[in-house]
């Protein structure tokens, strides 16, 4: 059996509750898995790390395992989603998010945290599953708005989760906070099971079913426009990782060591709020079929200007406002990139398409920190100028080559 390339007859009527249920599940899970990020190094010290430096080495290994797990498993889970259902794969990813957090909660040695993160990379990956499910749960004409809602919910969870996790760690200890967070993705899975319609499945033997089940590999049938959209998706996340890791060092150059902690916290809080505003306000109201290309062109051009402004910033207020503006601009582009990926993949193969995008995102999490370290070793200001140049080049590439496909109701 394979999934139908058309939504079920009630797709229009189910648009509201299905989209918001997927968004709620994504928000809850994102909120939960980031519970323990602020205190992971401290937790690893309790587990036996000999120093702060040793703890950070274990954190680096854990994040490398997370990235490699996602890089390897993304396309596989996407293929399985197309064969057995995107809803099933989203619920599976949520349940594994809980399981991998429980592994961390029961850890007795630093290497157990590496196992926890690697298992999460291999078996969870709920965000690509949520995006793939959303893309087949709504009509194509409403897809970009629905993807904006899901992406915005993810940003909300990412922004609030670390703060709440830190507070819970103070009250209940590190393990208590981890166990509390581990329960939440299971609750999200129940929400999705109840409120999101199951993927419509064709019976075997139809021409469409035979095509999806026994056709050529997806990568042979995809057009260059798909890979261009995936490249944009990759670059957005790589640049986000790079600038976030570079921001504390840049602020320290402006303020000095004593004042950098407070300014960094304010910068990241402002950027989180701006990202949510960009996805929810702009993404919901203006990012729609026919405007995806324009959204990416405006986003890349404005981001280039803001990176250049970061290089010129000589006061913390200017840097923080520019940093938040950059988060706003780049966040508006993520739903547009997701919508273009979906529009360039047959509906019955979108799980695989977003699995490929998931691997590209995982690769960005490996490359972004490496580039940030290279900039820090040379010049952060010159690095920001270089990023402005990269965004201008991307804008020119999109202007010359990107063609937005027509979407049907």
Protein backbone atom coordinates (compact mmCIF):
# COMPACT_ATOMS: atom_id res chain seq x y z
CA UNK A 1 0.00 0.00 0.00
CA UNK A 2 1.03 3.59 -0.53
CA UNK A 3 -0.34 6.94 0.39
CA UNK A 4 -2.63 8.81 -1.91
CA UNK A 5 -1.25 11.92 -3.58
CA UNK A 6 -4.53 13.72 -2.86
CA UNK A 7 -5.87 14.74 0.54
CA UNK A 8 -8.92 12.97 1.95
CA UNK A 9 -12.29 14.44 1.02
CA UNK A 10 -12.57 16.30 4.31
CA UNK A 11 -9.11 17.88 4.07
CA UNK A 12 -10.52 21.38 3.77
CA UNK A 13 -12.88 20.95 6.68
CA UNK A 14 -10.14 19.40 8.82
CA UNK A 15 -7.60 22.13 8.05
CA UNK A 16 -8.01 24.02 11.30
CA UNK A 17 -7.85 21.33 13.96
CA UNK A 18 -5.33 19.15 12.11
CA UNK A 19 -2.85 21.98 11.60
CA UNK A 20 -3.12 23.29 15.13
CA UNK A 21 -2.88 19.79 16.61
CA UNK A 22 0.34 19.16 14.66
CA UNK A 23 1.60 22.59 15.73
CA UNK A 24 0.75 21.86 19.37
CA UNK A 25 2.55 18.52 19.23
CA UNK A 26 5.60 20.16 17.68
CA UNK A 27 5.61 22.95 20.27
CA UNK A 28 5.29 20.55 23.21
CA UNK A 29 8.02 18.25 21.92
CA UNK A 30 10.41 21.12 21.08
CA UNK A 31 9.75 22.58 24.51
CA UNK A 32 10.51 19.22 26.14
CA UNK A 33 13.69 18.18 24.35
CA UNK A 34 15.28 21.56 25.11
CA UNK A 35 14.47 21.29 28.82
CA UNK A 36 17.91 20.04 29.71
CA UNK A 37 20.09 21.95 27.23
CA UNK A 38 21.07 24.73 29.72
CA UNK A 39 22.37 22.28 32.33
CA UNK A 40 23.70 19.38 30.26
CA UNK A 41 27.36 20.25 31.01
CA UNK A 42 26.58 20.51 34.74
CA UNK A 43 24.68 17.22 34.65
CA UNK A 44 27.64 15.56 32.94
CA UNK A 45 29.89 16.85 35.73
CA UNK A 46 27.64 15.04 38.21
CA UNK A 47 27.93 11.89 36.10
CA UNK A 48 31.70 11.83 36.39
CA UNK A 49 33.32 14.38 34.07
CA UNK A 50 36.60 15.45 35.63
CA UNK A 51 36.40 19.17 34.69
CA UNK A 52 34.31 21.72 32.83
CA UNK A 53 36.49 21.19 29.78
CA UNK A 54 35.97 17.44 29.99
CA UNK A 55 32.20 17.98 30.30
CA UNK A 56 32.20 20.16 27.18
CA UNK A 57 34.05 17.46 25.25
CA UNK A 58 31.27 15.03 26.13
CA UNK A 59 28.66 17.64 25.09
CA UNK A 60 30.44 18.02 21.75
CA UNK A 61 30.47 14.25 21.23
CA UNK A 62 26.77 14.05 22.13
CA UNK A 63 25.84 16.77 19.65
CA UNK A 64 27.99 15.15 16.97
CA UNK A 65 26.14 11.89 17.56
CA UNK A 66 22.81 13.73 17.33
CA UNK A 67 23.78 15.34 14.04
CA UNK A 68 25.15 12.17 12.50
CA UNK A 69 22.08 10.22 13.59
CA UNK A 70 19.77 12.69 11.86
CA UNK A 71 21.97 12.82 8.78
CA UNK A 72 21.84 9.05 8.38
CA UNK A 73 18.26 8.30 9.38
CA UNK A 74 16.34 11.23 7.85
CA UNK A 75 15.79 9.76 4.36
CA UNK A 76 14.99 6.31 5.78
CA UNK A 77 12.22 7.61 8.04
CA UNK A 78 10.95 9.67 5.12
CA UNK A 79 10.65 6.58 2.91
CA UNK A 80 8.83 4.71 5.68
CA UNK A 81 6.49 7.69 6.13
CA UNK A 82 5.51 7.49 2.47
CA UNK A 83 4.85 3.76 2.76
CA UNK A 84 3.08 3.56 6.13
CA UNK A 85 1.81 7.03 6.90
CA UNK A 86 3.20 10.40 7.96
CA UNK A 87 0.94 10.50 11.01
CA UNK A 88 2.34 7.15 12.17
CA UNK A 89 5.90 8.40 11.71
CA UNK A 90 5.17 11.64 13.59
CA UNK A 91 3.72 9.71 16.53
CA UNK A 92 6.69 7.32 16.40
CA UNK A 93 9.11 10.28 16.48
CA UNK A 94 7.33 11.83 19.47
CA UNK A 95 7.41 8.58 21.42
CA UNK A 96 11.11 8.11 20.72
CA UNK A 97 11.76 11.70 21.83
CA UNK A 98 10.40 10.67 25.24
CA UNK A 99 12.33 7.40 25.29
CA UNK A 100 15.66 9.03 24.46
CA UNK A 101 15.14 11.63 27.20
CA UNK A 102 14.45 8.84 29.70
CA UNK A 103 17.81 7.31 28.69
CA UNK A 104 19.41 10.62 29.65
CA UNK A 105 17.51 10.75 32.92
CA UNK A 106 18.73 7.29 33.94
CA UNK A 107 22.33 8.00 32.86
CA UNK A 108 25.11 6.88 35.19
CA UNK A 109 28.15 7.96 33.17
CA UNK A 110 28.95 10.73 30.65
CA UNK A 111 28.94 8.35 27.70
CA UNK A 112 25.29 7.53 28.42
CA UNK A 113 24.46 11.11 27.39
CA UNK A 114 26.19 10.49 24.07
CA UNK A 115 23.99 7.39 23.65
CA UNK A 116 20.89 9.44 24.52
CA UNK A 117 21.62 12.20 22.01
CA UNK A 118 22.66 9.75 19.27
CA UNK A 119 19.49 7.70 19.77
CA UNK A 120 17.45 10.89 19.54
CA UNK A 121 19.13 11.71 16.23
CA UNK A 122 18.54 8.23 14.86
CA UNK A 123 14.98 7.59 16.03
CA UNK A 124 13.25 10.89 16.78
CA UNK A 125 13.38 13.77 14.27
CA UNK A 126 9.82 14.89 14.98
CA UNK A 127 10.06 18.28 13.21
CA UNK A 128 10.57 16.88 9.67
CA UNK A 129 7.83 14.34 10.41
CA UNK A 130 5.51 17.17 11.48
CA UNK A 131 6.27 19.19 8.34
CA UNK A 132 5.71 16.17 6.08
CA UNK A 133 2.40 15.38 7.81
CA UNK A 134 1.24 18.98 7.53
CA UNK A 135 2.09 19.10 3.82
CA UNK A 136 -0.35 16.24 3.07
CA UNK A 137 -3.04 17.21 5.59
CA UNK A 138 -4.06 20.48 3.96
CA UNK A 139 -4.75 21.67 0.40
CA UNK A 140 -1.66 22.98 -1.37
CA UNK A 141 -3.13 26.49 -1.49
CA UNK A 142 -3.12 26.60 2.33
CA UNK A 143 0.14 24.74 2.83
CA UNK A 144 2.47 27.70 3.37
CA UNK A 145 0.21 29.16 6.08
CA UNK A 146 -0.05 25.79 7.81
CA UNK A 147 3.71 25.27 7.66
CA UNK A 148 4.16 28.74 9.15
CA UNK A 149 1.96 27.76 12.08
CA UNK A 150 3.94 24.56 12.71
CA UNK A 151 7.30 26.32 12.36
CA UNK A 152 6.14 29.12 14.66
CA UNK A 153 5.08 26.57 17.27
CA UNK A 154 8.53 25.00 17.07
CA UNK A 155 10.15 28.39 17.69
CA UNK A 156 7.92 28.99 20.71
CA UNK A 157 8.94 25.64 22.19
CA UNK A 158 12.61 26.32 21.45
CA UNK A 159 12.41 29.72 23.12
CA UNK A 160 10.55 28.75 26.29
CA UNK A 161 11.91 25.22 26.91
CA UNK A 162 15.42 26.06 28.18
CA UNK A 163 14.13 28.67 30.64
CA UNK A 164 11.51 26.38 32.13
CA UNK A 165 13.97 23.48 32.24
CA UNK A 166 16.48 25.58 34.16
CA UNK A 167 13.80 26.56 36.70
CA UNK A 168 12.72 22.93 37.14
CA UNK A 169 16.33 21.87 37.62
CA UNK A 170 16.63 24.31 40.50
CA UNK A 171 13.46 22.94 42.11
CA UNK A 172 13.69 19.20 41.36
CA UNK A 173 17.30 18.57 40.39
CA UNK A 174 18.71 17.68 36.98
CA UNK A 175 17.15 14.21 36.78
CA UNK A 176 13.76 15.48 37.94
CA UNK A 177 13.74 18.12 35.22
CA UNK A 178 14.72 15.57 32.56
CA UNK A 179 12.02 13.12 33.63
CA UNK A 180 9.41 15.90 33.65
CA UNK A 181 10.40 16.86 30.12
CA UNK A 182 10.42 13.23 28.97
CA UNK A 183 6.72 12.88 29.70
CA UNK A 184 5.68 15.73 27.43
CA UNK A 185 6.32 14.26 23.93
CA UNK A 186 4.11 11.29 24.86
CA UNK A 187 1.32 13.74 25.72
CA UNK A 188 1.92 15.41 22.35
CA UNK A 189 1.63 12.02 20.64
CA UNK A 190 -1.79 11.47 22.25
CA UNK A 191 -2.94 14.90 21.03
CA UNK A 192 -1.87 14.03 17.49
CA UNK A 193 -3.47 10.58 17.60
CA UNK A 194 -6.82 12.04 18.64
CA UNK A 195 -7.02 15.23 16.58
CA UNK A 196 -5.09 14.64 13.35
CA UNK A 197 -6.82 12.62 10.60
CA UNK A 198 -4.98 9.52 9.44
CA UNK A 199 -3.32 9.65 6.03
CA UNK A 200 -5.61 8.47 3.27
CA UNK A 201 -4.27 5.24 1.76
CA UNK A 202 -5.02 3.83 -1.69
CA UNK A 203 -5.67 0.16 -2.03
CA UNK A 204 -2.92 -1.83 -3.78
CA UNK A 205 -3.18 -2.27 -7.50
CA UNK A 206 -3.94 1.27 -8.56
CA UNK A 207 -1.62 2.88 -11.06
CA UNK A 208 -0.65 5.52 -8.56
CA UNK A 209 0.10 2.96 -5.88
CA UNK A 210 2.27 0.93 -8.21
CA UNK A 211 4.13 4.07 -9.26
CA UNK A 212 4.96 5.11 -5.71
CA UNK A 213 5.76 1.63 -4.47
CA UNK A 214 7.75 0.35 -7.42
CA UNK A 215 8.85 3.47 -9.26
CA UNK A 216 12.40 4.75 -9.55
CA UNK A 217 14.15 6.18 -6.48
CA UNK A 218 12.91 9.64 -5.64
CA UNK A 219 16.29 11.28 -6.11
CA UNK A 220 16.21 10.26 -9.81
CA UNK A 221 12.86 11.94 -10.43
CA UNK A 222 13.33 15.23 -8.57
CA UNK A 223 13.93 18.43 -10.47
CA UNK A 224 16.75 20.90 -9.80
CA UNK A 225 14.21 23.23 -8.16
CA UNK A 226 13.81 20.75 -5.30
CA UNK A 227 17.54 20.64 -4.64
CA UNK A 228 17.69 24.43 -4.83
CA UNK A 229 14.98 24.65 -2.14
CA UNK A 230 16.84 22.10 0.02
CA UNK A 231 20.05 24.10 -0.41
CA UNK A 232 18.26 27.25 0.81
CA UNK A 233 16.89 25.24 3.76
CA UNK A 234 20.38 23.97 4.59
CA UNK A 235 21.96 27.41 4.33
CA UNK A 236 19.34 29.05 6.56
CA UNK A 237 20.02 26.66 9.41
CA UNK A 238 23.79 26.70 8.93
CA UNK A 239 23.83 30.51 9.08
CA UNK A 240 21.56 30.49 12.12
CA UNK A 241 23.93 28.15 13.96
CA UNK A 242 26.94 30.18 12.89
CA UNK A 243 25.65 33.59 13.97
CA UNK A 244 24.26 32.29 17.28
CA UNK A 245 27.60 30.77 18.21
CA UNK A 246 29.46 33.90 17.07
CA UNK A 247 27.22 36.40 18.88
CA UNK A 248 28.70 35.97 22.42
CA UNK A 249 32.22 36.53 21.10
CA UNK A 250 31.17 39.59 19.12
CA UNK A 251 29.41 41.07 22.15
CA UNK A 252 32.48 40.40 24.29
CA UNK A 253 34.58 42.41 21.83
CA UNK A 254 32.13 45.31 22.27
CA UNK A 255 31.51 45.13 26.04
CA UNK A 256 34.32 43.18 27.61
CA UNK A 257 34.15 39.98 29.64
CA UNK A 258 32.25 41.30 32.67
CA UNK A 259 29.08 42.49 30.91
CA UNK A 260 28.78 39.98 28.10
CA UNK A 261 26.59 37.43 29.92
CA UNK A 262 23.63 39.76 30.43
CA UNK A 263 23.86 41.20 26.92
CA UNK A 264 24.01 37.71 25.41
CA UNK A 265 20.90 36.64 27.30
CA UNK A 266 19.05 39.75 26.12
CA UNK A 267 20.19 39.19 22.54
CA UNK A 268 19.01 35.59 22.45
CA UNK A 269 15.69 36.39 24.11
CA UNK A 270 15.07 39.21 21.63
CA UNK A 271 16.03 36.95 18.73
CA UNK A 272 13.65 34.23 19.92
CA UNK A 273 10.75 36.65 20.13
CA UNK A 274 11.63 38.12 16.73
CA UNK A 275 11.80 34.65 15.15
CA UNK A 276 8.33 33.76 16.45
CA UNK A 277 7.00 37.08 15.18
CA UNK A 278 8.57 36.52 11.78
CA UNK A 279 7.10 33.07 11.35
CA UNK A 280 3.66 33.74 12.83
CA UNK A 281 2.95 37.30 11.71
CA UNK A 282 4.68 37.47 8.33
CA UNK A 283 4.54 33.75 7.55
CA UNK A 284 0.84 33.45 8.36
CA UNK A 285 -0.28 36.62 6.60
CA UNK A 286 2.00 37.10 3.62
CA UNK A 287 3.87 33.89 2.78
CA UNK A 288 1.55 32.15 0.33
CA UNK A 289 1.64 30.48 -3.09
CA UNK A 290 2.78 33.05 -5.62
CA UNK A 291 4.84 34.88 -3.00
CA UNK A 292 7.36 32.20 -2.02
CA UNK A 293 10.02 33.36 -4.48
CA UNK A 294 9.52 37.00 -3.47
CA UNK A 295 9.74 36.06 0.23
CA UNK A 296 13.09 34.36 -0.28
CA UNK A 297 14.47 37.19 -2.41
CA UNK A 298 13.48 39.84 0.13
CA UNK A 299 14.66 37.67 3.01
CA UNK A 300 18.10 37.00 1.55
CA UNK A 301 18.62 40.65 0.56
CA UNK A 302 17.58 41.99 3.97
CA UNK A 303 19.64 39.33 5.77
CA UNK A 304 22.70 40.36 3.75
CA UNK A 305 22.19 43.97 4.86
CA UNK A 306 21.76 42.92 8.48
CA UNK A 307 24.92 40.78 8.48
CA UNK A 308 26.81 43.78 7.16
CA UNK A 309 25.24 45.89 9.94
CA UNK A 310 26.45 43.35 12.53
CA UNK A 311 29.98 43.82 11.25
CA UNK A 312 29.68 47.58 11.76
CA UNK A 313 27.93 47.46 15.17
CA UNK A 314 30.01 49.13 17.90
CA UNK A 315 27.44 49.23 20.70
CA UNK A 316 25.49 46.45 22.34
CA UNK A 317 22.00 47.97 21.70
CA UNK A 318 22.73 48.24 17.97
CA UNK A 319 24.10 44.70 17.90
CA UNK A 320 21.11 43.27 19.80
CA UNK A 321 18.53 45.03 17.62
CA UNK A 322 20.34 43.92 14.45
CA UNK A 323 20.69 40.37 15.78
CA UNK A 324 16.93 40.26 16.46
CA UNK A 325 16.19 41.69 13.01
CA UNK A 326 18.30 38.96 11.44
CA UNK A 327 16.37 36.29 13.36
CA UNK A 328 13.12 37.86 12.13
CA UNK A 329 14.23 37.95 8.48
CA UNK A 330 15.60 34.42 8.40
CA UNK A 331 12.60 32.97 10.25
CA UNK A 332 10.22 34.27 7.59
CA UNK A 333 12.15 32.30 4.98
CA UNK A 334 11.88 28.88 6.63
CA UNK A 335 8.14 28.31 5.86
CA UNK A 336 8.72 29.51 2.30
CA UNK A 337 11.60 27.04 1.85
CA UNK A 338 9.48 24.23 3.32
CA UNK A 339 6.57 25.10 1.01
CA UNK A 340 8.89 25.06 -2.02
CA UNK A 341 10.30 21.68 -1.01
CA UNK A 342 6.77 20.28 -0.74
CA UNK A 343 5.64 21.88 -3.99
CA UNK A 344 8.48 20.25 -5.90
CA UNK A 345 7.78 16.72 -4.59
CA UNK A 346 4.74 14.57 -5.50
CA UNK A 347 2.36 14.45 -2.57
CA UNK A 348 2.79 10.68 -2.20
CA UNK A 349 6.59 11.11 -1.82
CA UNK A 350 6.73 14.11 0.53
CA UNK A 351 7.86 12.05 3.48
CA UNK A 352 10.98 11.12 1.52
CA UNK A 353 11.42 14.70 0.33
CA UNK A 354 11.40 16.08 3.85
CA UNK A 355 13.62 13.23 4.98
CA UNK A 356 16.24 14.52 2.54
CA UNK A 357 15.68 18.03 3.91
CA UNK A 358 16.15 16.66 7.43
CA UNK A 359 19.56 15.29 6.48
CA UNK A 360 20.47 18.66 4.98
CA UNK A 361 19.47 20.34 8.25
CA UNK A 362 21.57 17.87 10.24
CA UNK A 363 24.55 18.65 8.00
CA UNK A 364 24.03 22.35 8.72
CA UNK A 365 24.31 21.66 12.45
CA UNK A 366 27.72 20.14 11.82
CA UNK A 367 29.01 22.78 9.41
CA UNK A 368 27.67 25.90 11.17
CA UNK A 369 29.73 25.46 14.39
CA UNK A 370 32.85 24.64 12.35
CA UNK A 371 32.49 27.87 10.36
CA UNK A 372 31.87 29.83 13.58
CA UNK A 373 35.10 28.48 15.05
CA UNK A 374 36.98 29.49 11.89
CA UNK A 375 35.59 33.02 12.06
CA UNK A 376 36.44 33.30 15.77
CA UNK A 377 40.03 32.28 15.00
CA UNK A 378 40.38 35.03 12.39
CA UNK A 379 37.91 37.93 12.64
CA UNK A 380 34.23 37.86 13.55
CA UNK A 381 33.59 41.18 11.86
CA UNK A 382 35.13 39.99 8.60
CA UNK A 383 33.12 36.81 9.03
CA UNK A 384 29.87 38.79 9.17
CA UNK A 385 30.92 40.64 6.01
CA UNK A 386 31.60 37.29 4.34
CA UNK A 387 28.13 36.08 5.34
CA UNK A 388 26.62 39.20 3.81
CA UNK A 389 28.39 38.28 0.59
CA UNK A 390 27.06 34.70 0.77
CA UNK A 391 23.49 35.99 1.17
CA UNK A 392 23.85 38.40 -1.74
CA UNK A 393 25.16 35.56 -3.91
CA UNK A 394 22.22 33.39 -2.83
CA UNK A 395 19.81 36.22 -3.66
CA UNK A 396 21.30 36.48 -7.15
CA UNK A 397 21.10 32.71 -7.60
CA UNK A 398 17.44 32.62 -6.55
CA UNK A 399 16.59 35.56 -8.81
CA UNK A 400 18.18 33.81 -11.78
CA UNK A 401 17.06 30.23 -11.25
CA UNK A 402 14.15 29.87 -8.81
CA UNK A 403 10.78 29.25 -10.43
CA UNK A 404 7.79 28.79 -8.17
CA UNK A 405 5.55 25.90 -9.29
CA UNK A 406 1.82 26.30 -9.50
CA UNK A 407 -0.11 24.81 -6.63
CA UNK A 408 -3.56 23.35 -6.82
CA UNK A 409 -6.40 23.63 -4.37
